[in-house]
């Protein structure tokens, strides 16, 4: 189920949904914290957070399928000791943490939206705790989604770290 779409690996496609939706959920969380934009951001924050959590789960499951398929193509051998294998393992570990973080953030986002619907009960310490959790969660998600993507892209594009994509010599040589 999480292997391919029209003979293309699902993982690179699913990752794009997570790369867009996780930061969007974080941004909506930050907008919710601001009293001026709270009302406008509440429902979209809750909905996007849930969809982002699902997209991260799909990306994780499709990544596991892709890793298994690549190992089968490699004669059943794992490449854990290679530079690619180490980066893939780092990518996988960071992605596992991102799944947990995004699920927690989605729960907080939905709770924040539901609590804020009654303005009389969304005051004082309750509002402050929810807002602090959203800000901390948004920042943590931003950092984590970057780290997951960084390890994954290095595994694909520059596993040994020898290519400098910023130099004009590298660009003209390709």
N, C-alpha and C. Protein backbone atom coordinates (compact mmCIF):
# COMPACT_ATOMS: atom_id res chain seq x y z
N UNK A 1 0.81 -1.20 0.00
CA UNK A 1 0.00 0.00 0.00
C UNK A 1 0.86 1.26 0.00
N UNK A 2 1.98 1.25 0.70
CA UNK A 2 2.82 2.45 0.80
C UNK A 2 4.06 2.35 -0.07
N UNK A 3 3.99 1.53 -1.13
CA UNK A 3 5.16 1.31 -1.96
C UNK A 3 5.29 2.24 -3.14
N UNK A 4 4.30 2.19 -4.07
CA UNK A 4 4.44 2.93 -5.31
C UNK A 4 3.13 3.58 -5.73
N UNK A 5 3.29 4.61 -6.55
CA UNK A 5 2.17 5.21 -7.28
C UNK A 5 2.62 5.29 -8.73
N UNK A 6 1.94 4.57 -9.60
CA UNK A 6 2.27 4.51 -11.03
C UNK A 6 3.77 4.25 -11.25
N UNK A 7 4.26 3.22 -10.61
CA UNK A 7 5.65 2.76 -10.73
C UNK A 7 6.70 3.74 -10.21
N UNK A 8 6.29 4.74 -9.46
CA UNK A 8 7.23 5.64 -8.79
C UNK A 8 7.17 5.36 -7.29
N UNK A 9 8.31 5.42 -6.61
CA UNK A 9 8.27 5.22 -5.16
C UNK A 9 7.40 6.31 -4.52
N UNK A 10 6.55 5.91 -3.60
CA UNK A 10 5.65 6.85 -2.94
C UNK A 10 6.40 7.81 -2.02
N UNK A 11 7.50 7.38 -1.44
CA UNK A 11 8.18 8.18 -0.42
C UNK A 11 8.57 9.58 -0.88
N UNK A 12 9.25 9.75 -2.02
CA UNK A 12 9.60 11.12 -2.42
C UNK A 12 8.37 11.99 -2.66
N UNK A 13 7.29 11.37 -3.07
CA UNK A 13 6.05 12.13 -3.28
C UNK A 13 5.40 12.50 -1.95
N UNK A 14 5.34 11.53 -1.03
CA UNK A 14 4.71 11.76 0.27
C UNK A 14 5.48 12.78 1.10
N UNK A 15 6.78 12.79 0.94
CA UNK A 15 7.62 13.72 1.69
C UNK A 15 7.23 15.17 1.39
N UNK A 16 6.87 15.43 0.14
CA UNK A 16 6.51 16.80 -0.22
C UNK A 16 5.28 17.29 0.53
N UNK A 17 4.34 16.42 0.77
CA UNK A 17 3.16 16.81 1.56
C UNK A 17 3.59 17.19 2.98
N UNK A 18 4.45 16.38 3.57
CA UNK A 18 4.91 16.67 4.93
C UNK A 18 5.74 17.94 4.98
N UNK A 19 6.56 18.16 3.97
CA UNK A 19 7.43 19.34 3.94
C UNK A 19 6.61 20.62 3.86
N UNK A 20 5.46 20.55 3.24
CA UNK A 20 4.58 21.72 3.14
C UNK A 20 3.67 21.83 4.37
N UNK A 21 3.05 20.72 4.76
CA UNK A 21 2.01 20.76 5.79
C UNK A 21 2.55 20.95 7.20
N UNK A 22 3.70 20.38 7.53
CA UNK A 22 4.23 20.53 8.89
C UNK A 22 4.58 21.99 9.18
N UNK A 23 5.35 22.66 8.31
CA UNK A 23 5.60 24.09 8.59
C UNK A 23 4.33 24.94 8.55
N UNK A 24 3.38 24.57 7.69
CA UNK A 24 2.12 25.32 7.65
C UNK A 24 1.36 25.16 8.96
N UNK A 25 1.33 23.96 9.50
CA UNK A 25 0.68 23.73 10.80
C UNK A 25 1.38 24.55 11.88
N UNK A 26 2.71 24.57 11.84
CA UNK A 26 3.48 25.35 12.82
C UNK A 26 3.17 26.84 12.69
N UNK A 27 3.12 27.34 11.46
CA UNK A 27 2.81 28.75 11.22
C UNK A 27 1.41 29.09 11.72
N UNK A 28 0.45 28.23 11.44
CA UNK A 28 -0.91 28.46 11.93
C UNK A 28 -0.97 28.43 13.45
N UNK A 29 -0.14 27.58 14.07
CA UNK A 29 -0.05 27.55 15.52
C UNK A 29 0.45 28.88 16.07
N UNK A 30 1.45 29.44 15.40
CA UNK A 30 1.97 30.75 15.82
C UNK A 30 0.93 31.85 15.61
N UNK A 31 0.18 31.77 14.52
CA UNK A 31 -0.87 32.76 14.29
C UNK A 31 -1.99 32.64 15.32
N UNK A 32 -2.26 31.42 15.76
CA UNK A 32 -3.29 31.20 16.77
C UNK A 32 -2.91 31.88 18.09
N UNK A 33 -1.64 31.91 18.39
CA UNK A 33 -1.17 32.51 19.64
C UNK A 33 -1.47 34.00 19.69
N UNK A 34 -1.45 34.65 18.54
CA UNK A 34 -1.71 36.09 18.49
C UNK A 34 -3.21 36.35 18.61
N UNK A 35 -3.62 37.15 19.59
CA UNK A 35 -5.05 37.39 19.79
C UNK A 35 -5.77 37.90 18.53
N UNK A 36 -5.08 38.73 17.74
CA UNK A 36 -5.69 39.28 16.53
C UNK A 36 -6.05 38.23 15.49
N UNK A 37 -5.24 37.19 15.39
CA UNK A 37 -5.44 36.19 14.34
C UNK A 37 -5.94 34.85 14.88
N UNK A 38 -6.19 34.79 16.16
CA UNK A 38 -6.60 33.52 16.78
C UNK A 38 -7.86 32.96 16.14
N UNK A 39 -8.84 33.79 15.99
CA UNK A 39 -10.13 33.32 15.47
C UNK A 39 -9.99 32.80 14.04
N UNK A 40 -9.22 33.52 13.24
CA UNK A 40 -9.03 33.14 11.84
C UNK A 40 -8.19 31.86 11.72
N UNK A 41 -7.23 31.67 12.60
CA UNK A 41 -6.28 30.56 12.48
C UNK A 41 -6.74 29.28 13.17
N UNK A 42 -7.71 29.36 14.06
CA UNK A 42 -8.06 28.22 14.90
C UNK A 42 -8.44 26.95 14.16
N UNK A 43 -9.49 27.01 13.36
CA UNK A 43 -9.94 25.82 12.65
C UNK A 43 -8.91 25.35 11.62
N UNK A 44 -8.36 26.25 10.79
CA UNK A 44 -7.32 25.77 9.86
C UNK A 44 -6.13 25.12 10.58
N UNK A 45 -5.73 25.68 11.74
CA UNK A 45 -4.62 25.10 12.50
C UNK A 45 -4.95 23.65 12.91
N UNK A 46 -6.14 23.45 13.42
CA UNK A 46 -6.53 22.11 13.86
C UNK A 46 -6.58 21.14 12.68
N UNK A 47 -7.21 21.55 11.59
CA UNK A 47 -7.34 20.67 10.43
C UNK A 47 -6.00 20.37 9.77
N UNK A 48 -5.21 21.40 9.54
CA UNK A 48 -3.91 21.21 8.89
C UNK A 48 -2.99 20.37 9.78
N UNK A 49 -3.06 20.54 11.08
CA UNK A 49 -2.22 19.76 11.99
C UNK A 49 -2.55 18.28 11.91
N UNK A 50 -3.82 17.95 11.85
CA UNK A 50 -4.22 16.54 11.74
C UNK A 50 -3.77 15.97 10.39
N UNK A 51 -3.98 16.71 9.32
CA UNK A 51 -3.56 16.25 7.99
C UNK A 51 -2.03 16.15 7.92
N UNK A 52 -1.33 17.09 8.53
CA UNK A 52 0.13 17.03 8.56
C UNK A 52 0.61 15.79 9.30
N UNK A 53 -0.04 15.47 10.42
CA UNK A 53 0.33 14.26 11.16
C UNK A 53 0.14 13.02 10.29
N UNK A 54 -0.96 12.98 9.57
CA UNK A 54 -1.20 11.84 8.68
C UNK A 54 -0.17 11.80 7.55
N UNK A 55 0.20 12.96 7.01
CA UNK A 55 1.19 12.98 5.93
C UNK A 55 2.56 12.52 6.42
N UNK A 56 2.91 12.85 7.65
CA UNK A 56 4.18 12.40 8.21
C UNK A 56 4.17 10.89 8.41
N UNK A 57 3.05 10.36 8.83
CA UNK A 57 2.93 8.90 8.99
C UNK A 57 3.06 8.20 7.64
N UNK A 58 2.39 8.73 6.61
CA UNK A 58 2.50 8.14 5.27
C UNK A 58 3.95 8.23 4.77
N UNK A 59 4.60 9.36 4.99
CA UNK A 59 6.00 9.50 4.57
C UNK A 59 6.88 8.48 5.29
N UNK A 60 6.64 8.28 6.57
CA UNK A 60 7.44 7.31 7.34
C UNK A 60 7.22 5.89 6.82
N UNK A 61 5.96 5.50 6.65
CA UNK A 61 5.67 4.14 6.19
C UNK A 61 6.19 3.91 4.78
N UNK A 62 6.04 4.90 3.91
CA UNK A 62 6.55 4.74 2.54
C UNK A 62 8.08 4.73 2.53
N UNK A 63 8.70 5.44 3.45
CA UNK A 63 10.15 5.41 3.57
C UNK A 63 10.66 4.04 3.99
N UNK A 64 9.92 3.40 4.88
CA UNK A 64 10.30 2.04 5.29
C UNK A 64 10.20 1.08 4.10
N UNK A 65 9.15 1.25 3.31
CA UNK A 65 8.99 0.39 2.12
C UNK A 65 10.10 0.65 1.10
N UNK A 66 10.45 1.92 0.92
CA UNK A 66 11.52 2.25 -0.03
C UNK A 66 12.85 1.66 0.43
N UNK A 67 13.13 1.77 1.72
CA UNK A 67 14.38 1.22 2.25
C UNK A 67 14.43 -0.29 2.03
N UNK A 68 13.32 -0.97 2.30
CA UNK A 68 13.27 -2.43 2.08
C UNK A 68 13.47 -2.78 0.61
N UNK A 69 12.84 -2.01 -0.28
CA UNK A 69 12.97 -2.27 -1.72
C UNK A 69 14.41 -2.06 -2.17
N UNK A 70 15.06 -1.01 -1.67
CA UNK A 70 16.46 -0.75 -2.05
C UNK A 70 17.38 -1.84 -1.50
N UNK A 71 17.08 -2.35 -0.33
CA UNK A 71 17.89 -3.44 0.22
C UNK A 71 17.71 -4.71 -0.61
N UNK A 72 16.48 -4.97 -1.07
CA UNK A 72 16.26 -6.14 -1.94
C UNK A 72 17.04 -5.99 -3.24
N UNK A 73 17.05 -4.79 -3.81
CA UNK A 73 17.81 -4.54 -5.03
C UNK A 73 19.31 -4.71 -4.81
N UNK A 74 19.73 -4.49 -3.58
CA UNK A 74 21.15 -4.62 -3.21
C UNK A 74 21.48 -6.05 -2.79
N UNK A 75 20.68 -6.99 -3.20
CA UNK A 75 20.93 -8.40 -2.89
C UNK A 75 20.60 -8.76 -1.45
N UNK A 76 19.73 -8.01 -0.83
CA UNK A 76 19.35 -8.29 0.54
C UNK A 76 20.30 -7.76 1.59
N UNK A 77 21.38 -7.12 1.12
CA UNK A 77 22.36 -6.58 2.05
C UNK A 77 21.94 -5.19 2.52
N UNK A 78 22.10 -4.98 3.80
CA UNK A 78 21.86 -3.64 4.34
C UNK A 78 23.14 -2.83 4.17
N UNK A 79 22.99 -1.54 4.05
CA UNK A 79 24.15 -0.68 3.87
C UNK A 79 24.35 0.22 5.07
N UNK A 80 24.17 -0.34 6.25
CA UNK A 80 24.25 0.45 7.47
C UNK A 80 25.64 1.01 7.75
N UNK A 81 26.69 0.32 7.29
CA UNK A 81 28.05 0.78 7.57
C UNK A 81 28.55 1.81 6.57
N UNK A 82 27.85 1.97 5.45
CA UNK A 82 28.29 2.94 4.44
C UNK A 82 27.85 4.34 4.85
N UNK A 83 28.38 5.34 4.15
CA UNK A 83 27.97 6.71 4.45
C UNK A 83 26.49 6.91 4.14
N UNK A 84 26.00 6.28 3.07
CA UNK A 84 24.57 6.38 2.75
C UNK A 84 23.75 5.71 3.84
N UNK A 85 24.17 4.53 4.26
CA UNK A 85 23.43 3.80 5.30
C UNK A 85 23.34 4.57 6.60
N UNK A 86 24.42 5.20 6.98
CA UNK A 86 24.42 6.00 8.21
C UNK A 86 23.47 7.19 8.09
N UNK A 87 23.47 7.84 6.93
CA UNK A 87 22.56 8.97 6.72
C UNK A 87 21.11 8.52 6.68
N UNK A 88 20.86 7.37 6.04
CA UNK A 88 19.50 6.84 6.00
C UNK A 88 19.03 6.52 7.42
N UNK A 89 19.90 5.93 8.22
CA UNK A 89 19.53 5.62 9.61
C UNK A 89 19.27 6.89 10.41
N UNK A 90 20.10 7.91 10.22
CA UNK A 90 19.88 9.20 10.88
C UNK A 90 18.55 9.79 10.44
N UNK A 91 18.29 9.75 9.13
CA UNK A 91 17.04 10.25 8.56
C UNK A 91 15.85 9.52 9.18
N UNK A 92 15.95 8.21 9.28
CA UNK A 92 14.87 7.39 9.83
C UNK A 92 14.65 7.70 11.31
N UNK A 93 15.72 7.83 12.08
CA UNK A 93 15.59 8.14 13.51
C UNK A 93 14.94 9.51 13.71
N UNK A 94 15.37 10.48 12.92
CA UNK A 94 14.79 11.83 13.03
C UNK A 94 13.33 11.83 12.60
N UNK A 95 13.01 11.05 11.58
CA UNK A 95 11.62 10.95 11.11
C UNK A 95 10.73 10.31 12.17
N UNK A 96 11.25 9.31 12.87
CA UNK A 96 10.47 8.67 13.94
C UNK A 96 10.11 9.70 15.02
N UNK A 97 11.06 10.54 15.36
CA UNK A 97 10.80 11.59 16.35
C UNK A 97 9.81 12.62 15.80
N UNK A 98 9.93 12.95 14.52
CA UNK A 98 9.00 13.91 13.91
C UNK A 98 7.57 13.39 13.95
N UNK A 99 7.37 12.11 13.73
CA UNK A 99 6.02 11.53 13.79
C UNK A 99 5.42 11.77 15.17
N UNK A 100 6.19 11.49 16.21
CA UNK A 100 5.69 11.67 17.58
C UNK A 100 5.41 13.15 17.84
N UNK A 101 6.36 14.00 17.46
CA UNK A 101 6.18 15.44 17.70
C UNK A 101 4.95 15.98 16.97
N UNK A 102 4.75 15.55 15.73
CA UNK A 102 3.62 16.06 14.95
C UNK A 102 2.30 15.56 15.52
N UNK A 103 2.27 14.33 16.01
CA UNK A 103 1.03 13.82 16.61
C UNK A 103 0.70 14.59 17.88
N UNK A 104 1.70 14.86 18.70
CA UNK A 104 1.48 15.64 19.93
C UNK A 104 1.01 17.05 19.57
N UNK A 105 1.66 17.66 18.59
CA UNK A 105 1.26 19.01 18.18
C UNK A 105 -0.18 19.02 17.67
N UNK A 106 -0.56 18.00 16.91
CA UNK A 106 -1.93 17.93 16.38
C UNK A 106 -2.95 17.84 17.52
N UNK A 107 -2.63 17.05 18.53
CA UNK A 107 -3.53 16.95 19.69
C UNK A 107 -3.65 18.31 20.39
N UNK A 108 -2.53 18.97 20.57
CA UNK A 108 -2.54 20.30 21.22
C UNK A 108 -3.32 21.30 20.36
N UNK A 109 -3.12 21.25 19.04
CA UNK A 109 -3.80 22.17 18.14
C UNK A 109 -5.31 21.97 18.17
N UNK A 110 -5.75 20.73 18.14
CA UNK A 110 -7.19 20.45 18.20
C UNK A 110 -7.76 20.88 19.55
N UNK A 111 -7.04 20.57 20.62
CA UNK A 111 -7.49 20.99 21.96
C UNK A 111 -7.55 22.51 22.06
N UNK A 112 -6.54 23.19 21.51
CA UNK A 112 -6.52 24.65 21.56
C UNK A 112 -7.72 25.22 20.82
N UNK A 113 -8.00 24.68 19.65
CA UNK A 113 -9.16 25.17 18.89
C UNK A 113 -10.46 24.94 19.66
N UNK A 114 -10.62 23.74 20.20
CA UNK A 114 -11.86 23.44 20.93
C UNK A 114 -11.99 24.30 22.18
N UNK A 115 -10.90 24.49 22.91
CA UNK A 115 -10.95 25.34 24.10
C UNK A 115 -11.23 26.80 23.77
N UNK A 116 -10.70 27.27 22.66
CA UNK A 116 -10.84 28.69 22.31
C UNK A 116 -12.24 29.03 21.80
N UNK A 117 -13.02 28.04 21.48
CA UNK A 117 -14.37 28.32 20.99
C UNK A 117 -15.24 28.95 22.06
N UNK A 118 -14.91 28.70 23.32
CA UNK A 118 -15.62 29.36 24.42
C UNK A 118 -14.67 30.38 25.04
N UNK A 119 -14.86 31.62 24.64
CA UNK A 119 -13.94 32.69 25.06
C UNK A 119 -13.89 32.84 26.58
N UNK A 120 -14.99 32.57 27.27
CA UNK A 120 -15.00 32.74 28.72
C UNK A 120 -14.15 31.70 29.43
N UNK A 121 -13.92 30.53 28.81
CA UNK A 121 -13.10 29.51 29.47
C UNK A 121 -11.66 29.49 28.95
N UNK A 122 -11.39 30.26 27.90
CA UNK A 122 -10.03 30.29 27.34
C UNK A 122 -9.34 31.57 27.79
N UNK A 123 -9.06 31.62 29.07
CA UNK A 123 -8.44 32.80 29.67
C UNK A 123 -7.34 32.38 30.63
N UNK A 124 -6.60 33.35 31.10
CA UNK A 124 -5.63 33.15 32.17
C UNK A 124 -4.61 32.08 31.90
N UNK A 125 -4.41 31.24 32.91
CA UNK A 125 -3.37 30.21 32.87
C UNK A 125 -3.63 29.18 31.77
N UNK A 126 -4.87 28.82 31.55
CA UNK A 126 -5.20 27.84 30.50
C UNK A 126 -4.74 28.36 29.13
N UNK A 127 -5.07 29.61 28.84
CA UNK A 127 -4.68 30.19 27.56
C UNK A 127 -3.15 30.30 27.47
N UNK A 128 -2.51 30.70 28.54
CA UNK A 128 -1.06 30.86 28.52
C UNK A 128 -0.36 29.51 28.29
N UNK A 129 -0.80 28.48 28.96
CA UNK A 129 -0.19 27.15 28.79
C UNK A 129 -0.36 26.66 27.36
N UNK A 130 -1.57 26.80 26.82
CA UNK A 130 -1.82 26.36 25.45
C UNK A 130 -0.95 27.14 24.47
N UNK A 131 -0.85 28.44 24.65
CA UNK A 131 -0.05 29.27 23.74
C UNK A 131 1.43 28.94 23.84
N UNK A 132 1.93 28.72 25.04
CA UNK A 132 3.34 28.35 25.19
C UNK A 132 3.60 27.00 24.52
N UNK A 133 2.71 26.04 24.71
CA UNK A 133 2.88 24.73 24.07
C UNK A 133 2.87 24.85 22.55
N UNK A 134 2.02 25.71 22.03
CA UNK A 134 1.97 25.89 20.58
C UNK A 134 3.25 26.54 20.04
N UNK A 135 3.76 27.54 20.75
CA UNK A 135 4.99 28.21 20.29
C UNK A 135 6.17 27.25 20.36
N UNK A 136 6.32 26.57 21.48
CA UNK A 136 7.43 25.61 21.62
C UNK A 136 7.29 24.49 20.58
N UNK A 137 6.08 24.00 20.41
CA UNK A 137 5.84 22.95 19.42
C UNK A 137 6.13 23.40 18.01
N UNK A 138 5.71 24.62 17.67
CA UNK A 138 5.94 25.14 16.31
C UNK A 138 7.43 25.27 16.02
N UNK A 139 8.17 25.80 16.96
CA UNK A 139 9.62 25.96 16.77
C UNK A 139 10.28 24.58 16.67
N UNK A 140 9.90 23.67 17.55
CA UNK A 140 10.48 22.33 17.54
C UNK A 140 10.17 21.61 16.22
N UNK A 141 8.95 21.75 15.73
CA UNK A 141 8.59 21.12 14.46
C UNK A 141 9.40 21.70 13.31
N UNK A 142 9.57 23.00 13.30
CA UNK A 142 10.37 23.63 12.25
C UNK A 142 11.79 23.10 12.22
N UNK A 143 12.40 22.99 13.38
CA UNK A 143 13.77 22.47 13.47
C UNK A 143 13.80 21.00 13.06
N UNK A 144 12.86 20.22 13.54
CA UNK A 144 12.88 18.78 13.28
C UNK A 144 12.61 18.46 11.81
N UNK A 145 11.66 19.14 11.20
CA UNK A 145 11.37 18.86 9.79
C UNK A 145 12.58 19.23 8.93
N UNK A 146 13.29 20.27 9.30
CA UNK A 146 14.52 20.62 8.59
C UNK A 146 15.56 19.52 8.75
N UNK A 147 15.75 19.04 9.97
CA UNK A 147 16.78 18.02 10.23
C UNK A 147 16.47 16.70 9.53
N UNK A 148 15.20 16.32 9.51
CA UNK A 148 14.82 15.10 8.80
C UNK A 148 15.13 15.24 7.32
N UNK A 149 14.71 16.35 6.74
CA UNK A 149 14.94 16.57 5.32
C UNK A 149 16.41 16.70 4.97
N UNK A 150 17.17 17.33 5.85
CA UNK A 150 18.60 17.48 5.61
C UNK A 150 19.28 16.12 5.52
N UNK A 151 19.01 15.24 6.46
CA UNK A 151 19.64 13.91 6.44
C UNK A 151 19.17 13.11 5.23
N UNK A 152 17.89 13.20 4.90
CA UNK A 152 17.39 12.47 3.73
C UNK A 152 17.98 12.97 2.43
N UNK A 153 18.06 14.27 2.27
CA UNK A 153 18.60 14.81 1.02
C UNK A 153 20.10 14.54 0.91
N UNK A 154 20.82 14.58 2.02
CA UNK A 154 22.25 14.24 1.97
C UNK A 154 22.44 12.78 1.56
N UNK A 155 21.59 11.89 2.06
CA UNK A 155 21.70 10.47 1.70
C UNK A 155 21.51 10.27 0.20
N UNK A 156 20.65 11.06 -0.41
CA UNK A 156 20.37 10.91 -1.83
C UNK A 156 21.38 11.67 -2.69
N UNK A 157 21.69 12.90 -2.32
CA UNK A 157 22.45 13.77 -3.22
C UNK A 157 23.93 13.92 -2.89
N UNK A 158 24.33 13.72 -1.65
CA UNK A 158 25.73 13.98 -1.31
C UNK A 158 26.15 13.16 -0.09
N UNK A 159 26.07 11.83 -0.18
CA UNK A 159 26.29 11.01 1.02
C UNK A 159 27.68 11.09 1.62
N UNK A 160 28.68 11.32 0.79
CA UNK A 160 30.04 11.38 1.34
C UNK A 160 30.49 12.81 1.61
N UNK A 161 29.65 13.79 1.29
CA UNK A 161 29.95 15.18 1.60
C UNK A 161 31.00 15.82 0.72
N UNK A 162 31.34 15.20 -0.41
CA UNK A 162 32.41 15.73 -1.24
C UNK A 162 31.96 16.77 -2.25
N UNK A 163 30.66 16.82 -2.54
CA UNK A 163 30.18 17.75 -3.55
C UNK A 163 29.82 19.08 -2.90
N UNK A 164 30.34 20.17 -3.46
CA UNK A 164 29.99 21.51 -3.01
C UNK A 164 29.06 22.11 -4.04
N UNK A 165 27.75 22.05 -3.78
CA UNK A 165 26.78 22.53 -4.75
C UNK A 165 26.77 24.05 -4.85
N UNK A 166 27.47 24.73 -3.97
CA UNK A 166 27.53 26.17 -4.01
C UNK A 166 28.60 26.72 -4.94
N UNK A 167 29.54 25.89 -5.36
CA UNK A 167 30.62 26.39 -6.20
C UNK A 167 30.19 26.37 -7.67
N UNK A 168 30.64 27.36 -8.42
CA UNK A 168 30.29 27.44 -9.84
C UNK A 168 30.96 26.32 -10.63
N UNK A 169 32.10 25.83 -10.16
CA UNK A 169 32.79 24.74 -10.85
C UNK A 169 31.95 23.48 -10.82
N UNK A 170 31.30 23.21 -9.69
CA UNK A 170 30.46 22.02 -9.56
C UNK A 170 29.25 22.14 -10.48
N UNK A 171 28.67 23.31 -10.54
CA UNK A 171 27.47 23.51 -11.34
C UNK A 171 27.81 23.38 -12.84
N UNK A 172 28.90 23.98 -13.27
CA UNK A 172 29.25 23.92 -14.69
C UNK A 172 29.72 22.53 -15.10
N UNK A 173 30.24 21.74 -14.17
CA UNK A 173 30.72 20.39 -14.48
C UNK A 173 29.56 19.43 -14.69
N UNK A 174 28.41 19.77 -14.24
CA UNK A 174 27.25 18.88 -14.36
C UNK A 174 26.57 19.19 -15.62
